[in-house]
Amino acid sequence: MRDASAPPKNSINKETILQQFIASVKKKYRDKTKEIILFGSFARREATEESDIDVLVITSGNRFEMQKNLSEITVEILLQTGVYISAKAVSVEEYSFMKKINTGFYQNIAREGVSIG
């Protein structure tokens, strides 16, 4: 995974919004959140003003419940800021399976993903 030390150019506002998302997930679901991974154009530092923020949340809980919870957080952020965070939840077991069979999605995460929480 890549180093998350520097945000993409012209993305300070989105960086702040991403930190808000991370804080909200950790506050509400710390015990069920194993890892938060940033990927996509924002992780590659190629984001534009129109880019969404792609995030993978690995959960020890029920992934469907976590996906619902993430959707509530992202909709709230979208309504407050106009920034769309595309958050996908997977269970620890699903992530391990994706890694084992080396899915395209996993390859993408391994290549460009940045662990952010």
C-alpha atoms as a PDB file:
ATOM      1  CA  MET A   1       0.000   0.000   0.000  1.00  0.00           C
ATOM      2  CA  ARG A   2       1.056   3.567  -0.627  1.00  0.00           C
ATOM      3  CA  ASP A   3       2.083   6.254   1.850  1.00  0.00           C
ATOM      4  CA  ALA A   4      -0.724   8.590   2.888  1.00  0.00           C
ATOM      5  CA  SER A   5       1.579  11.374   4.071  1.00  0.00           C
ATOM      6  CA  ALA A   6       0.580  13.943   1.458  1.00  0.00           C
ATOM      7  CA  PRO A   7      -2.965  14.594   0.267  1.00  0.00           C
ATOM      8  CA  PRO A   8      -3.651  15.070  -3.447  1.00  0.00           C
ATOM      9  CA  LYS A   9      -3.160  18.561  -4.870  1.00  0.00           C
ATOM     10  CA  ASN A  10      -6.059  20.963  -4.291  1.00  0.00           C
ATOM     11  CA  SER A  11      -7.785  18.547  -1.936  1.00  0.00           C
ATOM     12  CA  ILE A  12      -7.433  20.098   1.510  1.00  0.00           C
ATOM     13  CA  ASN A  13     -11.197  20.423   1.796  1.00  0.00           C
ATOM     14  CA  LYS A  14     -11.707  16.790   0.784  1.00  0.00           C
ATOM     15  CA  GLU A  15      -8.919  15.717   3.135  1.00  0.00           C
ATOM     16  CA  THR A  16     -10.778  17.400   6.002  1.00  0.00           C
ATOM     17  CA  ILE A  17     -14.005  15.711   4.948  1.00  0.00           C
ATOM     18  CA  LEU A  18     -12.234  12.342   4.768  1.00  0.00           C
ATOM     19  CA  GLN A  19     -10.930  12.866   8.314  1.00  0.00           C
ATOM     20  CA  GLN A  20     -14.504  13.656   9.401  1.00  0.00           C
ATOM     21  CA  PHE A  21     -15.657  10.353   7.867  1.00  0.00           C
ATOM     22  CA  ILE A  22     -12.877   8.374   9.582  1.00  0.00           C
ATOM     23  CA  ALA A  23     -13.604   9.997  12.949  1.00  0.00           C
ATOM     24  CA  SER A  24     -17.311   9.250  12.626  1.00  0.00           C
ATOM     25  CA  VAL A  25     -16.738   5.592  11.702  1.00  0.00           C
ATOM     26  CA  LYS A  26     -14.241   5.104  14.526  1.00  0.00           C
ATOM     27  CA  LYS A  27     -16.448   6.844  17.082  1.00  0.00           C
ATOM     28  CA  LYS A  28     -19.560   4.863  16.228  1.00  0.00           C
ATOM     29  CA  TYR A  29     -18.111   1.498  15.131  1.00  0.00           C
ATOM     30  CA  ARG A  30     -14.588   1.251  16.573  1.00  0.00           C
ATOM     31  CA  ASP A  31     -15.116  -2.279  17.907  1.00  0.00           C
ATOM     32  CA  LYS A  32     -16.259  -3.569  14.502  1.00  0.00           C
ATOM     33  CA  THR A  33     -13.846  -1.635  12.267  1.00  0.00           C
ATOM     34  CA  LYS A  34     -10.616  -3.508  11.555  1.00  0.00           C
ATOM     35  CA  GLU A  35      -9.192  -1.239   8.869  1.00  0.00           C
ATOM     36  CA  ILE A  36     -10.128   1.673   6.621  1.00  0.00           C
ATOM     37  CA  ILE A  37      -8.383   1.797   3.238  1.00  0.00           C
ATOM     38  CA  LEU A  38      -8.405   4.728   0.835  1.00  0.00           C
ATOM     39  CA  PHE A  39      -8.162   3.823  -2.863  1.00  0.00           C
ATOM     40  CA  GLY A  40      -8.968   5.278  -6.264  1.00  0.00           C
ATOM     41  CA  SER A  41      -7.997   8.682  -7.622  1.00  0.00           C
ATOM     42  CA  PHE A  42      -7.750  10.270  -4.190  1.00  0.00           C
ATOM     43  CA  ALA A  43      -5.227   7.620  -3.044  1.00  0.00           C
ATOM     44  CA  ARG A  44      -3.287   8.003  -6.306  1.00  0.00           C
ATOM     45  CA  ARG A  45      -3.215  11.783  -5.795  1.00  0.00           C
ATOM     46  CA  GLU A  46      -5.044  12.280  -9.094  1.00  0.00           C
ATOM     47  CA  ALA A  47      -8.350  13.525  -7.690  1.00  0.00           C
ATOM     48  CA  THR A  48     -10.177  16.393  -9.322  1.00  0.00           C
ATOM     49  CA  GLU A  49     -12.925  18.540  -7.852  1.00  0.00           C
ATOM     50  CA  GLU A  50     -15.463  16.131  -9.358  1.00  0.00           C
ATOM     51  CA  SER A  51     -13.812  13.008  -7.917  1.00  0.00           C
ATOM     52  CA  ASP A  52     -15.479  11.020  -5.198  1.00  0.00           C
ATOM     53  CA  ILE A  53     -13.514   9.521  -2.316  1.00  0.00           C
ATOM     54  CA  ASP A  54     -13.267   5.718  -2.492  1.00  0.00           C
ATOM     55  CA  VAL A  55     -12.956   3.932   0.845  1.00  0.00           C
ATOM     56  CA  LEU A  56     -12.966   0.268   1.844  1.00  0.00           C
ATOM     57  CA  VAL A  57     -13.938  -0.579   5.423  1.00  0.00           C
ATOM     58  CA  ILE A  58     -12.966  -4.028   6.671  1.00  0.00           C
ATOM     59  CA  THR A  59     -15.308  -5.096   9.450  1.00  0.00           C
ATOM     60  CA  SER A  60     -15.359  -7.887  12.005  1.00  0.00           C
ATOM     61  CA  GLY A  61     -19.132  -7.530  12.179  1.00  0.00           C
ATOM     62  CA  ASN A  62     -21.928  -8.120   9.700  1.00  0.00           C
ATOM     63  CA  ARG A  63     -20.900  -6.443   6.460  1.00  0.00           C
ATOM     64  CA  PHE A  64     -24.492  -5.671   5.435  1.00  0.00           C
ATOM     65  CA  GLU A  65     -25.111  -3.880   8.726  1.00  0.00           C
ATOM     66  CA  MET A  66     -21.812  -2.009   8.375  1.00  0.00           C
ATOM     67  CA  GLN A  67     -22.670  -1.038   4.771  1.00  0.00           C
ATOM     68  CA  LYS A  68     -25.971   0.409   5.984  1.00  0.00           C
ATOM     69  CA  ASN A  69     -24.157   2.338   8.719  1.00  0.00           C
ATOM     70  CA  LEU A  70     -21.557   3.643   6.264  1.00  0.00           C
ATOM     71  CA  SER A  71     -24.324   4.757   3.903  1.00  0.00           C
ATOM     72  CA  GLU A  72     -25.906   6.800   6.684  1.00  0.00           C
ATOM     73  CA  ILE A  73     -22.572   8.502   7.420  1.00  0.00           C
ATOM     74  CA  THR A  74     -21.782   9.185   3.755  1.00  0.00           C
ATOM     75  CA  VAL A  75     -25.250  10.604   3.024  1.00  0.00           C
ATOM     76  CA  GLU A  76     -24.932  12.927   6.017  1.00  0.00           C
ATOM     77  CA  ILE A  77     -21.526  14.106   4.757  1.00  0.00           C
ATOM     78  CA  LEU A  78     -22.866  14.507   1.206  1.00  0.00           C
ATOM     79  CA  LEU A  79     -25.768  16.642   2.409  1.00  0.00           C
ATOM     80  CA  GLN A  80     -23.469  18.790   4.589  1.00  0.00           C
ATOM     81  CA  THR A  81     -20.573  19.216   2.158  1.00  0.00           C
ATOM     82  CA  GLY A  82     -21.577  18.121  -1.337  1.00  0.00           C
ATOM     83  CA  VAL A  83     -18.705  15.610  -1.325  1.00  0.00           C
ATOM     84  CA  TYR A  84     -19.521  11.987  -2.142  1.00  0.00           C
ATOM     85  CA  ILE A  85     -17.648   9.275  -0.267  1.00  0.00           C
ATOM     86  CA  SER A  86     -18.049   5.889  -1.914  1.00  0.00           C
ATOM     87  CA  ALA A  87     -17.647   3.548   1.051  1.00  0.00           C
ATOM     88  CA  LYS A  88     -17.686  -0.220   0.620  1.00  0.00           C
ATOM     89  CA  ALA A  89     -17.802  -2.630   3.563  1.00  0.00           C
ATOM     90  CA  VAL A  90     -16.334  -6.127   3.475  1.00  0.00           C
ATOM     91  CA  SER A  91     -15.933  -8.625   6.277  1.00  0.00           C
ATOM     92  CA  VAL A  92     -12.523  -9.799   7.444  1.00  0.00           C
ATOM     93  CA  GLU A  93     -13.316 -13.194   5.916  1.00  0.00           C
ATOM     94  CA  GLU A  94     -14.348 -11.700   2.570  1.00  0.00           C
ATOM     95  CA  TYR A  95     -11.190  -9.606   2.431  1.00  0.00           C
ATOM     96  CA  SER A  96      -9.047 -12.665   3.197  1.00  0.00           C
ATOM     97  CA  PHE A  97     -10.834 -14.591   0.446  1.00  0.00           C
ATOM     98  CA  MET A  98     -10.357 -11.747  -2.069  1.00  0.00           C
ATOM     99  CA  LYS A  99      -6.667 -11.748  -1.173  1.00  0.00           C
ATOM    100  CA  LYS A 100      -6.399 -15.542  -1.450  1.00  0.00           C
ATOM    101  CA  ILE A 101      -7.926 -15.725  -4.923  1.00  0.00           C
ATOM    102  CA  ASN A 102      -6.306 -12.425  -5.929  1.00  0.00           C
ATOM    103  CA  THR A 103      -9.409 -10.706  -7.321  1.00  0.00           C
ATOM    104  CA  GLY A 104      -9.062  -7.655  -9.523  1.00  0.00           C
ATOM    105  CA  PHE A 105     -10.563  -5.533  -6.767  1.00  0.00           C
ATOM    106  CA  TYR A 106      -7.988  -6.864  -4.286  1.00  0.00           C
ATOM    107  CA  GLN A 107      -5.158  -6.234  -6.772  1.00  0.00           C
ATOM    108  CA  ASN A 108      -6.353  -2.640  -7.087  1.00  0.00           C
ATOM    109  CA  ILE A 109      -6.410  -2.213  -3.298  1.00  0.00           C
ATOM    110  CA  ALA A 110      -2.956  -3.833  -2.933  1.00  0.00           C
ATOM    111  CA  ARG A 111      -1.499  -1.620  -5.674  1.00  0.00           C
ATOM    112  CA  GLU A 112      -2.912   1.768  -4.724  1.00  0.00           C
ATOM    113  CA  GLY A 113      -4.615   1.410  -1.348  1.00  0.00           C
ATOM    114  CA  VAL A 114      -3.579   3.520   1.617  1.00  0.00           C
ATOM    115  CA  SER A 115      -4.427   2.379   5.144  1.00  0.00           C
ATOM    116  CA  ILE A 116      -5.990   5.382   6.868  1.00  0.00           C
ATOM    117  CA  GLY A 117      -7.628   3.937   9.935  1.00  0.00           C
END
